[in-house]
Amino acid sequence: MEELQVIQNKIYEIRGTKVMLDRDLAEMYGVQTKALNQAVKRNFTRFPEDFMFQLTNQETQNWKSQIVTSNTIKMGIRRNPFAFTEHGVIMLASVLRSEIAIQTSILITRAFVAIRKLVSTPPTDKITEIQQEIKELKEYIEEAFTDYNDINEDTRMQLELINQAIAELQSKKAFNDKLRPRIGFVK
């Protein structure tokens, strides 16, 4: 697992694609960067643009700015490095044809897969869960208040109708009371 973490730290996102640079791959395969690039050049047809591309000057500058060491002589960079996608790394193992290259290629492929899995299913933490619950609670409360206001409006109309009916009944009763003679003993 520790080896996977080391490899994952050497995977960069360039042009929206996860890639590894020639110098890191050469180090992992136990060869010089120059030897790795020569093997690629000898088998150039195996590396289409979706397997490998060379960084532009601007991309190289952006990459170097992410690394603490900014001295290009110390970094050993005399030209823009090559970037290999996951498929390019697998093809590279077939070009180098060593046991180390095969084993390293397997580890690198696993690292790419682990990163892809992590990106597709990010881990949920407690804060995210709580935020989701709060959002759902807010939606429920808003819905409840909307229903309450609807009920309240209906109830107000019904109470108004009831009050009108009671007022009409009282006025009829008062009118009827005046017309009716009282029953009982008169003193």
N, C-alpha and C. Protein backbone atom coordinates (compact mmCIF):
# COMPACT_ATOMS: atom_id res chain seq x y z
N MET A 1 0.82 -1.20 0.00
CA MET A 1 0.00 0.00 0.00
C MET A 1 0.86 1.26 0.00
N GLU A 2 2.00 1.19 0.68
CA GLU A 2 2.88 2.35 0.72
C GLU A 2 3.41 2.68 -0.67
N GLU A 3 3.73 1.62 -1.44
CA GLU A 3 4.21 1.82 -2.81
C GLU A 3 3.15 2.51 -3.66
N LEU A 4 1.89 2.12 -3.48
CA LEU A 4 0.81 2.76 -4.23
C LEU A 4 0.73 4.24 -3.90
N GLN A 5 0.90 4.60 -2.63
CA GLN A 5 0.84 6.00 -2.22
C GLN A 5 1.96 6.80 -2.88
N VAL A 6 3.17 6.22 -2.93
CA VAL A 6 4.31 6.88 -3.58
C VAL A 6 3.99 7.11 -5.05
N ILE A 7 3.43 6.10 -5.70
CA ILE A 7 3.09 6.22 -7.12
C ILE A 7 1.99 7.26 -7.31
N GLN A 8 0.96 7.23 -6.47
CA GLN A 8 -0.14 8.18 -6.60
C GLN A 8 0.35 9.62 -6.48
N ASN A 9 1.38 9.85 -5.67
CA ASN A 9 1.92 11.20 -5.51
C ASN A 9 2.65 11.67 -6.76
N LYS A 10 2.97 10.74 -7.66
CA LYS A 10 3.68 11.10 -8.90
C LYS A 10 2.74 11.13 -10.09
N ILE A 11 1.46 11.03 -9.84
CA ILE A 11 0.46 11.14 -10.91
C ILE A 11 -0.06 12.56 -10.91
N TYR A 12 0.06 13.22 -12.04
CA TYR A 12 -0.36 14.62 -12.18
C TYR A 12 -1.55 14.69 -13.12
N GLU A 13 -2.28 15.79 -13.02
CA GLU A 13 -3.36 16.02 -13.99
C GLU A 13 -2.90 17.12 -14.92
N ILE A 14 -2.72 16.76 -16.17
CA ILE A 14 -2.29 17.70 -17.20
C ILE A 14 -3.23 17.53 -18.39
N ARG A 15 -3.73 18.64 -18.88
CA ARG A 15 -4.71 18.64 -19.99
C ARG A 15 -5.95 17.83 -19.64
N GLY A 16 -6.30 17.83 -18.38
CA GLY A 16 -7.49 17.13 -17.92
C GLY A 16 -7.34 15.63 -17.87
N THR A 17 -6.09 15.13 -17.96
CA THR A 17 -5.83 13.70 -17.96
C THR A 17 -4.82 13.38 -16.88
N LYS A 18 -5.01 12.26 -16.21
CA LYS A 18 -4.04 11.79 -15.22
C LYS A 18 -2.85 11.19 -15.95
N VAL A 19 -1.65 11.70 -15.65
CA VAL A 19 -0.45 11.24 -16.34
C VAL A 19 0.71 11.10 -15.36
N MET A 20 1.74 10.40 -15.82
CA MET A 20 3.01 10.31 -15.11
C MET A 20 4.09 10.80 -16.06
N LEU A 21 5.10 11.44 -15.51
CA LEU A 21 6.16 12.01 -16.33
C LEU A 21 7.30 11.02 -16.52
N ASP A 22 8.01 11.19 -17.64
CA ASP A 22 9.08 10.27 -18.01
C ASP A 22 10.13 10.13 -16.92
N ARG A 23 10.52 11.19 -16.25
CA ARG A 23 11.56 11.12 -15.22
C ARG A 23 11.13 10.27 -14.04
N ASP A 24 9.85 10.38 -13.63
CA ASP A 24 9.35 9.57 -12.52
C ASP A 24 9.26 8.11 -12.91
N LEU A 25 8.79 7.86 -14.13
CA LEU A 25 8.69 6.48 -14.61
C LEU A 25 10.07 5.83 -14.73
N ALA A 26 11.04 6.59 -15.25
CA ALA A 26 12.40 6.06 -15.37
C ALA A 26 12.95 5.68 -14.00
N GLU A 27 12.70 6.52 -13.03
CA GLU A 27 13.16 6.23 -11.66
C GLU A 27 12.53 4.95 -11.14
N MET A 28 11.23 4.80 -11.36
CA MET A 28 10.53 3.60 -10.88
C MET A 28 10.96 2.34 -11.62
N TYR A 29 11.20 2.48 -12.93
CA TYR A 29 11.62 1.32 -13.72
C TYR A 29 13.11 1.00 -13.55
N GLY A 30 13.82 1.89 -12.87
CA GLY A 30 15.25 1.64 -12.62
C GLY A 30 16.12 1.87 -13.83
N VAL A 31 15.71 2.81 -14.71
CA VAL A 31 16.52 3.16 -15.88
C VAL A 31 16.70 4.68 -15.90
N GLN A 32 17.62 5.14 -16.73
CA GLN A 32 17.79 6.58 -16.89
C GLN A 32 16.66 7.13 -17.77
N THR A 33 16.33 8.38 -17.54
CA THR A 33 15.27 9.02 -18.34
C THR A 33 15.64 8.97 -19.82
N LYS A 34 16.90 9.19 -20.10
CA LYS A 34 17.38 9.17 -21.48
C LYS A 34 17.13 7.80 -22.12
N ALA A 35 17.40 6.72 -21.40
CA ALA A 35 17.19 5.37 -21.92
C ALA A 35 15.71 5.10 -22.14
N LEU A 36 14.88 5.56 -21.21
CA LEU A 36 13.43 5.38 -21.35
C LEU A 36 12.94 6.10 -22.60
N ASN A 37 13.36 7.34 -22.79
CA ASN A 37 12.91 8.12 -23.95
C ASN A 37 13.43 7.54 -25.26
N GLN A 38 14.64 6.98 -25.25
CA GLN A 38 15.16 6.34 -26.45
C GLN A 38 14.33 5.10 -26.81
N ALA A 39 13.94 4.33 -25.80
CA ALA A 39 13.09 3.15 -26.05
C ALA A 39 11.75 3.58 -26.64
N VAL A 40 11.23 4.69 -26.15
CA VAL A 40 9.96 5.21 -26.68
C VAL A 40 10.14 5.64 -28.12
N LYS A 41 11.23 6.35 -28.41
CA LYS A 41 11.47 6.84 -29.77
C LYS A 41 11.65 5.68 -30.75
N ARG A 42 12.28 4.60 -30.30
CA ARG A 42 12.46 3.43 -31.17
C ARG A 42 11.12 2.77 -31.48
N ASN A 43 10.15 2.92 -30.58
CA ASN A 43 8.83 2.30 -30.74
C ASN A 43 7.73 3.37 -30.77
N PHE A 44 8.00 4.44 -31.45
CA PHE A 44 7.13 5.61 -31.42
C PHE A 44 5.69 5.31 -31.87
N THR A 45 5.51 4.36 -32.77
CA THR A 45 4.18 4.04 -33.29
C THR A 45 3.29 3.41 -32.20
N ARG A 46 3.90 2.89 -31.15
CA ARG A 46 3.12 2.29 -30.06
C ARG A 46 2.56 3.34 -29.10
N PHE A 47 2.94 4.60 -29.29
CA PHE A 47 2.56 5.65 -28.35
C PHE A 47 1.80 6.78 -29.06
N PRO A 48 0.52 6.53 -29.38
CA PRO A 48 -0.27 7.61 -29.97
C PRO A 48 -0.50 8.72 -28.93
N GLU A 49 -1.10 9.80 -29.36
CA GLU A 49 -1.25 10.98 -28.51
C GLU A 49 -2.08 10.72 -27.25
N ASP A 50 -2.98 9.76 -27.31
CA ASP A 50 -3.76 9.46 -26.10
C ASP A 50 -3.01 8.53 -25.15
N PHE A 51 -1.82 8.07 -25.53
CA PHE A 51 -0.95 7.28 -24.66
C PHE A 51 0.19 8.13 -24.09
N MET A 52 0.67 9.10 -24.90
CA MET A 52 1.83 9.89 -24.49
C MET A 52 1.82 11.21 -25.25
N PHE A 53 2.25 12.28 -24.58
CA PHE A 53 2.43 13.57 -25.25
C PHE A 53 3.55 14.32 -24.53
N GLN A 54 4.13 15.28 -25.23
CA GLN A 54 5.20 16.08 -24.64
C GLN A 54 4.58 17.37 -24.10
N LEU A 55 4.99 17.76 -22.90
CA LEU A 55 4.48 18.97 -22.28
C LEU A 55 4.94 20.20 -23.06
N THR A 56 4.09 21.21 -23.08
CA THR A 56 4.48 22.49 -23.69
C THR A 56 5.35 23.25 -22.68
N ASN A 57 5.96 24.34 -23.15
CA ASN A 57 6.79 25.15 -22.24
C ASN A 57 5.96 25.64 -21.05
N GLN A 58 4.73 26.09 -21.31
CA GLN A 58 3.87 26.60 -20.24
C GLN A 58 3.51 25.48 -19.26
N GLU A 59 3.17 24.31 -19.76
CA GLU A 59 2.84 23.17 -18.89
C GLU A 59 4.04 22.77 -18.04
N THR A 60 5.23 22.81 -18.63
CA THR A 60 6.44 22.48 -17.88
C THR A 60 6.66 23.50 -16.77
N GLN A 61 6.46 24.77 -17.08
CA GLN A 61 6.61 25.82 -16.06
C GLN A 61 5.60 25.62 -14.92
N ASN A 62 4.36 25.32 -15.28
CA ASN A 62 3.32 25.08 -14.25
C ASN A 62 3.70 23.88 -13.38
N TRP A 63 4.20 22.82 -14.02
CA TRP A 63 4.59 21.62 -13.28
C TRP A 63 5.76 21.93 -12.35
N LYS A 64 6.76 22.67 -12.86
CA LYS A 64 7.93 23.00 -12.04
C LYS A 64 7.54 23.89 -10.86
N SER A 65 6.54 24.75 -11.05
CA SER A 65 6.13 25.64 -9.96
C SER A 65 5.45 24.86 -8.83
N GLN A 66 4.95 23.66 -9.12
CA GLN A 66 4.33 22.82 -8.09
C GLN A 66 5.37 22.09 -7.26
N ILE A 67 6.60 22.03 -7.77
CA ILE A 67 7.66 21.31 -7.08
C ILE A 67 8.54 22.33 -6.36
N VAL A 68 8.97 21.99 -5.16
CA VAL A 68 9.75 22.91 -4.33
C VAL A 68 11.05 23.30 -5.02
N THR A 69 11.74 22.35 -5.64
CA THR A 69 13.00 22.64 -6.32
C THR A 69 12.67 23.30 -7.64
N SER A 70 13.13 24.54 -7.82
CA SER A 70 12.81 25.24 -9.05
C SER A 70 14.03 25.36 -9.96
N ASN A 71 15.18 24.90 -9.53
CA ASN A 71 16.39 24.99 -10.32
C ASN A 71 16.37 23.87 -11.36
N THR A 72 16.29 24.23 -12.65
CA THR A 72 16.16 23.21 -13.70
C THR A 72 17.41 22.35 -13.80
N ILE A 73 18.58 22.89 -13.45
CA ILE A 73 19.81 22.08 -13.51
C ILE A 73 19.73 20.98 -12.46
N LYS A 74 19.28 21.32 -11.25
CA LYS A 74 19.14 20.30 -10.20
C LYS A 74 18.07 19.28 -10.58
N MET A 75 17.05 19.72 -11.28
CA MET A 75 15.98 18.81 -11.67
C MET A 75 16.37 17.98 -12.88
N GLY A 76 17.43 18.34 -13.57
CA GLY A 76 17.89 17.58 -14.72
C GLY A 76 17.00 17.73 -15.94
N ILE A 77 16.31 18.85 -16.06
CA ILE A 77 15.40 19.05 -17.19
C ILE A 77 16.06 19.97 -18.21
N ARG A 78 16.30 19.43 -19.39
CA ARG A 78 16.87 20.23 -20.48
C ARG A 78 15.83 20.42 -21.59
N ARG A 79 14.77 19.64 -21.54
CA ARG A 79 13.69 19.72 -22.53
C ARG A 79 12.38 19.41 -21.81
N ASN A 80 11.30 19.69 -22.49
CA ASN A 80 9.99 19.42 -21.89
C ASN A 80 9.79 17.91 -21.75
N PRO A 81 9.35 17.47 -20.57
CA PRO A 81 9.20 16.02 -20.36
C PRO A 81 8.01 15.44 -21.12
N PHE A 82 8.07 14.13 -21.29
CA PHE A 82 6.96 13.39 -21.87
C PHE A 82 6.02 12.98 -20.75
N ALA A 83 4.72 13.02 -21.05
CA ALA A 83 3.70 12.61 -20.08
C ALA A 83 3.03 11.36 -20.63
N PHE A 84 2.90 10.34 -19.78
CA PHE A 84 2.31 9.07 -20.18
C PHE A 84 0.99 8.86 -19.45
N THR A 85 -0.06 8.54 -20.22
CA THR A 85 -1.34 8.19 -19.61
C THR A 85 -1.25 6.77 -19.07
N GLU A 86 -2.32 6.31 -18.47
CA GLU A 86 -2.35 4.94 -17.93
C GLU A 86 -2.02 3.93 -19.03
N HIS A 87 -2.59 4.11 -20.21
CA HIS A 87 -2.35 3.19 -21.32
C HIS A 87 -0.90 3.29 -21.79
N GLY A 88 -0.35 4.49 -21.77
CA GLY A 88 1.03 4.68 -22.15
C GLY A 88 1.99 3.98 -21.20
N VAL A 89 1.66 4.00 -19.92
CA VAL A 89 2.49 3.32 -18.91
C VAL A 89 2.49 1.81 -19.17
N ILE A 90 1.34 1.26 -19.49
CA ILE A 90 1.25 -0.18 -19.78
C ILE A 90 2.07 -0.51 -21.02
N MET A 91 1.96 0.32 -22.05
CA MET A 91 2.72 0.11 -23.28
C MET A 91 4.21 0.23 -23.00
N LEU A 92 4.57 1.14 -22.12
CA LEU A 92 5.98 1.35 -21.78
C LEU A 92 6.59 0.08 -21.19
N ALA A 93 5.83 -0.62 -20.38
CA ALA A 93 6.33 -1.87 -19.79
C ALA A 93 6.65 -2.89 -20.89
N SER A 94 5.84 -2.92 -21.94
CA SER A 94 6.10 -3.88 -23.02
C SER A 94 7.32 -3.46 -23.84
N VAL A 95 7.61 -2.18 -23.90
CA VAL A 95 8.76 -1.70 -24.65
C VAL A 95 10.05 -1.95 -23.87
N LEU A 96 10.01 -1.76 -22.55
CA LEU A 96 11.23 -1.92 -21.75
C LEU A 96 11.57 -3.39 -21.52
N ARG A 97 10.58 -4.24 -21.45
CA ARG A 97 10.76 -5.70 -21.37
C ARG A 97 11.66 -6.17 -20.24
N SER A 98 11.49 -5.63 -19.08
CA SER A 98 12.24 -6.16 -17.93
C SER A 98 11.23 -6.55 -16.85
N GLU A 99 11.66 -7.42 -15.97
CA GLU A 99 10.77 -7.88 -14.89
C GLU A 99 10.37 -6.70 -14.00
N ILE A 100 11.32 -5.80 -13.73
CA ILE A 100 11.03 -4.61 -12.92
C ILE A 100 9.98 -3.76 -13.61
N ALA A 101 10.12 -3.60 -14.93
CA ALA A 101 9.16 -2.79 -15.68
C ALA A 101 7.76 -3.40 -15.61
N ILE A 102 7.67 -4.71 -15.69
CA ILE A 102 6.36 -5.38 -15.63
C ILE A 102 5.73 -5.20 -14.25
N GLN A 103 6.50 -5.46 -13.19
CA GLN A 103 5.98 -5.33 -11.83
C GLN A 103 5.60 -3.88 -11.51
N THR A 104 6.45 -2.95 -11.95
CA THR A 104 6.17 -1.53 -11.72
C THR A 104 4.93 -1.11 -12.49
N SER A 105 4.78 -1.60 -13.70
CA SER A 105 3.61 -1.28 -14.51
C SER A 105 2.33 -1.75 -13.82
N ILE A 106 2.38 -2.92 -13.21
CA ILE A 106 1.21 -3.45 -12.49
C ILE A 106 0.86 -2.51 -11.33
N LEU A 107 1.88 -2.09 -10.57
CA LEU A 107 1.64 -1.18 -9.45
C LEU A 107 1.09 0.16 -9.92
N ILE A 108 1.65 0.67 -11.00
CA ILE A 108 1.18 1.97 -11.52
C ILE A 108 -0.26 1.86 -12.00
N THR A 109 -0.59 0.78 -12.67
CA THR A 109 -1.97 0.57 -13.12
C THR A 109 -2.92 0.53 -11.93
N ARG A 110 -2.52 -0.17 -10.87
CA ARG A 110 -3.35 -0.21 -9.66
C ARG A 110 -3.51 1.18 -9.05
N ALA A 111 -2.45 1.99 -9.10
CA ALA A 111 -2.53 3.36 -8.57
C ALA A 111 -3.53 4.19 -9.39
N PHE A 112 -3.47 4.07 -10.72
CA PHE A 112 -4.43 4.78 -11.57
C PHE A 112 -5.86 4.35 -11.26
N VAL A 113 -6.07 3.05 -11.10
CA VAL A 113 -7.40 2.52 -10.80
C VAL A 113 -7.88 3.05 -9.44
N ALA A 114 -6.99 3.07 -8.45
CA ALA A 114 -7.36 3.57 -7.12
C ALA A 114 -7.75 5.04 -7.19
N ILE A 115 -7.02 5.83 -7.96
CA ILE A 115 -7.36 7.25 -8.10
C ILE A 115 -8.70 7.40 -8.79
N ARG A 116 -8.92 6.62 -9.84
CA ARG A 116 -10.20 6.69 -10.57
C ARG A 116 -11.36 6.32 -9.65
N LYS A 117 -11.17 5.29 -8.83
CA LYS A 117 -12.21 4.88 -7.89
C LYS A 117 -12.47 5.97 -6.86
N LEU A 118 -11.41 6.59 -6.38
CA LEU A 118 -11.55 7.65 -5.39
C LEU A 118 -12.29 8.85 -5.96
N VAL A 119 -12.00 9.18 -7.22
CA VAL A 119 -12.68 10.30 -7.86
C VAL A 119 -14.15 9.99 -8.11
N SER A 120 -14.45 8.75 -8.51
CA SER A 120 -15.83 8.41 -8.83
C SER A 120 -16.70 8.22 -7.59
N THR A 121 -16.12 7.78 -6.49
CA THR A 121 -16.87 7.62 -5.25
C THR A 121 -16.10 8.27 -4.11
N PRO A 122 -16.22 9.61 -3.99
CA PRO A 122 -15.47 10.28 -2.93
C PRO A 122 -15.98 9.84 -1.56
N PRO A 123 -15.08 9.76 -0.59
CA PRO A 123 -15.50 9.35 0.75
C PRO A 123 -16.40 10.41 1.37
N THR A 124 -17.45 9.97 2.07
CA THR A 124 -18.32 10.92 2.73
C THR A 124 -17.85 11.09 4.17
N ASP A 125 -17.84 12.30 4.59
CA ASP A 125 -17.45 12.57 5.97
C ASP A 125 -18.69 13.05 6.73
N LYS A 126 -18.54 13.19 8.02
CA LYS A 126 -19.67 13.58 8.88
C LYS A 126 -20.24 14.94 8.49
N ILE A 127 -19.37 15.89 8.14
CA ILE A 127 -19.84 17.23 7.79
C ILE A 127 -20.73 17.17 6.57
N THR A 128 -20.33 16.41 5.56
CA THR A 128 -21.14 16.28 4.36
C THR A 128 -22.48 15.64 4.68
N GLU A 129 -22.48 14.62 5.53
CA GLU A 129 -23.73 13.97 5.92
C GLU A 129 -24.64 14.95 6.66
N ILE A 130 -24.07 15.71 7.58
CA ILE A 130 -24.86 16.68 8.36
C ILE A 130 -25.41 17.76 7.44
N GLN A 131 -24.59 18.25 6.49
CA GLN A 131 -25.07 19.25 5.56
C GLN A 131 -26.24 18.71 4.74
N GLN A 132 -26.16 17.47 4.33
CA GLN A 132 -27.25 16.86 3.56
C GLN A 132 -28.51 16.75 4.40
N GLU A 133 -28.35 16.33 5.66
CA GLU A 133 -29.51 16.23 6.55
C GLU A 133 -30.15 17.59 6.80
N ILE A 134 -29.33 18.62 6.97
CA ILE A 134 -29.85 19.98 7.18
C ILE A 134 -30.62 20.43 5.94
N LYS A 135 -30.07 20.15 4.77
CA LYS A 135 -30.74 20.52 3.52
C LYS A 135 -32.11 19.84 3.42
N GLU A 136 -32.15 18.54 3.72
CA GLU A 136 -33.41 17.80 3.67
C GLU A 136 -34.40 18.33 4.69
N LEU A 137 -33.90 18.68 5.89
CA LEU A 137 -34.76 19.23 6.94
C LEU A 137 -35.34 20.57 6.51
N LYS A 138 -34.53 21.43 5.90
CA LYS A 138 -35.01 22.73 5.41
C LYS A 138 -36.11 22.53 4.37
N GLU A 139 -35.89 21.59 3.44
CA GLU A 139 -36.90 21.32 2.42
C GLU A 139 -38.19 20.84 3.05
N TYR A 140 -38.09 19.99 4.07
CA TYR A 140 -39.28 19.47 4.75
C TYR A 140 -40.03 20.60 5.46
N ILE A 141 -39.28 21.47 6.14
CA ILE A 141 -39.91 22.58 6.87
C ILE A 141 -40.59 23.53 5.89
N GLU A 142 -39.93 23.85 4.77
CA GLU A 142 -40.56 24.73 3.78
C GLU A 142 -41.83 24.10 3.23
N GLU A 143 -41.81 22.81 2.99
CA GLU A 143 -42.99 22.11 2.49
C GLU A 143 -44.10 22.13 3.54
N ALA A 144 -43.72 21.92 4.81
CA ALA A 144 -44.71 21.93 5.89
C ALA A 144 -45.34 23.30 6.03
N PHE A 145 -44.53 24.37 5.96
CA PHE A 145 -45.08 25.71 6.06
C PHE A 145 -45.98 26.04 4.87
N THR A 146 -45.62 25.57 3.70
CA THR A 146 -46.46 25.78 2.53
C THR A 146 -47.81 25.09 2.74
N ASP A 147 -47.78 23.84 3.21
CA ASP A 147 -49.02 23.12 3.51
C ASP A 147 -49.80 23.83 4.60
N TYR A 148 -49.12 24.31 5.64
CA TYR A 148 -49.76 25.00 6.75
C TYR A 148 -50.44 26.28 6.26
N ASN A 149 -49.74 27.03 5.41
CA ASN A 149 -50.34 28.25 4.87
C ASN A 149 -51.55 27.94 4.02
N ASP A 150 -51.48 26.85 3.24
CA ASP A 150 -52.64 26.45 2.44
C ASP A 150 -53.80 26.09 3.35
N ILE A 151 -53.52 25.30 4.38
CA ILE A 151 -54.56 24.91 5.34
C ILE A 151 -55.08 26.14 6.05
N ASN A 152 -54.21 27.03 6.44
CA ASN A 152 -54.59 28.24 7.15
C ASN A 152 -55.54 29.08 6.30
N GLU A 153 -55.23 29.22 5.01
CA GLU A 153 -56.09 29.99 4.11
C GLU A 153 -57.45 29.32 3.98
N ASP A 154 -57.47 28.00 3.80
CA ASP A 154 -58.73 27.25 3.73
C ASP A 154 -59.52 27.40 5.02
N THR A 155 -58.83 27.28 6.13
CA THR A 155 -59.49 27.38 7.44
C THR A 155 -60.08 28.77 7.63
N ARG A 156 -59.35 29.80 7.24
CA ARG A 156 -59.87 31.17 7.36
C ARG A 156 -61.15 31.35 6.55
N MET A 157 -61.14 30.81 5.33
CA MET A 157 -62.35 30.93 4.50
C MET A 157 -63.52 30.18 5.13
N GLN A 158 -63.24 28.99 5.66
CA GLN A 158 -64.31 28.21 6.30
C GLN A 158 -64.84 28.91 7.54
N LEU A 159 -63.94 29.47 8.35
CA LEU A 159 -64.38 30.19 9.55
C LEU A 159 -65.21 31.42 9.18
N GLU A 160 -64.83 32.09 8.12
CA GLU A 160 -65.59 33.26 7.67
C GLU A 160 -67.01 32.85 7.25
N LEU A 161 -67.09 31.71 6.52
CA LEU A 161 -68.40 31.21 6.12
C LEU A 161 -69.24 30.81 7.33
N ILE A 162 -68.59 30.19 8.30
CA ILE A 162 -69.30 29.80 9.53
C ILE A 162 -69.80 31.04 10.26
N ASN A 163 -68.95 32.05 10.37
CA ASN A 163 -69.36 33.30 11.04
C ASN A 163 -70.52 33.96 10.31
N GLN A 164 -70.48 33.94 8.99
CA GLN A 164 -71.60 34.52 8.22
C GLN A 164 -72.89 33.74 8.49
N ALA A 165 -72.77 32.41 8.50
CA ALA A 165 -73.95 31.59 8.75
C ALA A 165 -74.50 31.84 10.15
N ILE A 166 -73.62 31.95 11.14
CA ILE A 166 -74.06 32.22 12.52
C ILE A 166 -74.72 33.59 12.59
N ALA A 167 -74.13 34.57 11.94
CA ALA A 167 -74.72 35.92 11.95
C ALA A 167 -76.10 35.90 11.30
N GLU A 168 -76.25 35.18 10.21
CA GLU A 168 -77.56 35.09 9.56
C GLU A 168 -78.57 34.40 10.47
N LEU A 169 -78.13 33.31 11.12
CA LEU A 169 -79.03 32.59 12.03
C LEU A 169 -79.46 33.47 13.20
N GLN A 170 -78.52 34.24 13.73
CA GLN A 170 -78.84 35.12 14.86
C GLN A 170 -79.82 36.21 14.43
N SER A 171 -79.60 36.75 13.25
CA SER A 171 -80.52 37.81 12.80
C SER A 171 -81.91 37.24 12.53
N LYS A 172 -81.99 36.01 12.00
CA LYS A 172 -83.28 35.37 11.78
C LYS A 172 -83.96 35.08 13.12
N LYS A 173 -83.17 34.62 14.11
CA LYS A 173 -83.72 34.30 15.43
C LYS A 173 -84.27 35.56 16.08
N ALA A 174 -83.52 36.65 16.00
CA ALA A 174 -83.98 37.90 16.60
C ALA A 174 -85.26 38.36 15.91
N PHE A 175 -85.34 38.22 14.61
CA PHE A 175 -86.51 38.60 13.86
C PHE A 175 -87.70 37.72 14.24
N ASN A 176 -87.45 36.40 14.36
CA ASN A 176 -88.50 35.46 14.71
C ASN A 176 -88.98 35.67 16.15
N ASP A 177 -88.05 36.03 17.05
CA ASP A 177 -88.41 36.27 18.44
C ASP A 177 -89.38 37.45 18.55
N LYS A 178 -89.24 38.46 17.76
CA LYS A 178 -90.10 39.63 17.81
C LYS A 178 -91.50 39.29 17.30
N LEU A 179 -91.63 38.45 16.35
CA LEU A 179 -92.92 38.12 15.77
C LEU A 179 -93.71 37.13 16.61
N ARG A 180 -93.10 36.33 17.36
CA ARG A 180 -93.77 35.29 18.12
C ARG A 180 -94.30 35.84 19.44
N PRO A 181 -95.48 35.45 19.77
CA PRO A 181 -95.96 35.82 21.11
C PRO A 181 -95.31 34.91 22.13
N ARG A 182 -95.09 35.45 23.26
CA ARG A 182 -94.45 34.69 24.33
C ARG A 182 -95.47 33.72 24.90
N ILE A 183 -94.99 32.57 25.27
CA ILE A 183 -95.85 31.54 25.83
C ILE A 183 -95.64 31.54 27.31
N GLY A 184 -96.68 31.42 28.05
CA GLY A 184 -96.57 31.30 29.48
C GLY A 184 -97.53 32.28 30.18
N PHE A 185 -97.42 32.35 31.50
CA PHE A 185 -98.28 33.22 32.29
C PHE A 185 -97.85 34.65 32.18
N VAL A 186 -98.80 35.50 32.07
CA VAL A 186 -98.52 36.94 32.02
C VAL A 186 -98.89 37.51 33.36
N LYS A 187 -98.05 38.29 34.00
CA LYS A 187 -98.33 38.85 35.30
C LYS A 187 -98.97 40.16 35.18
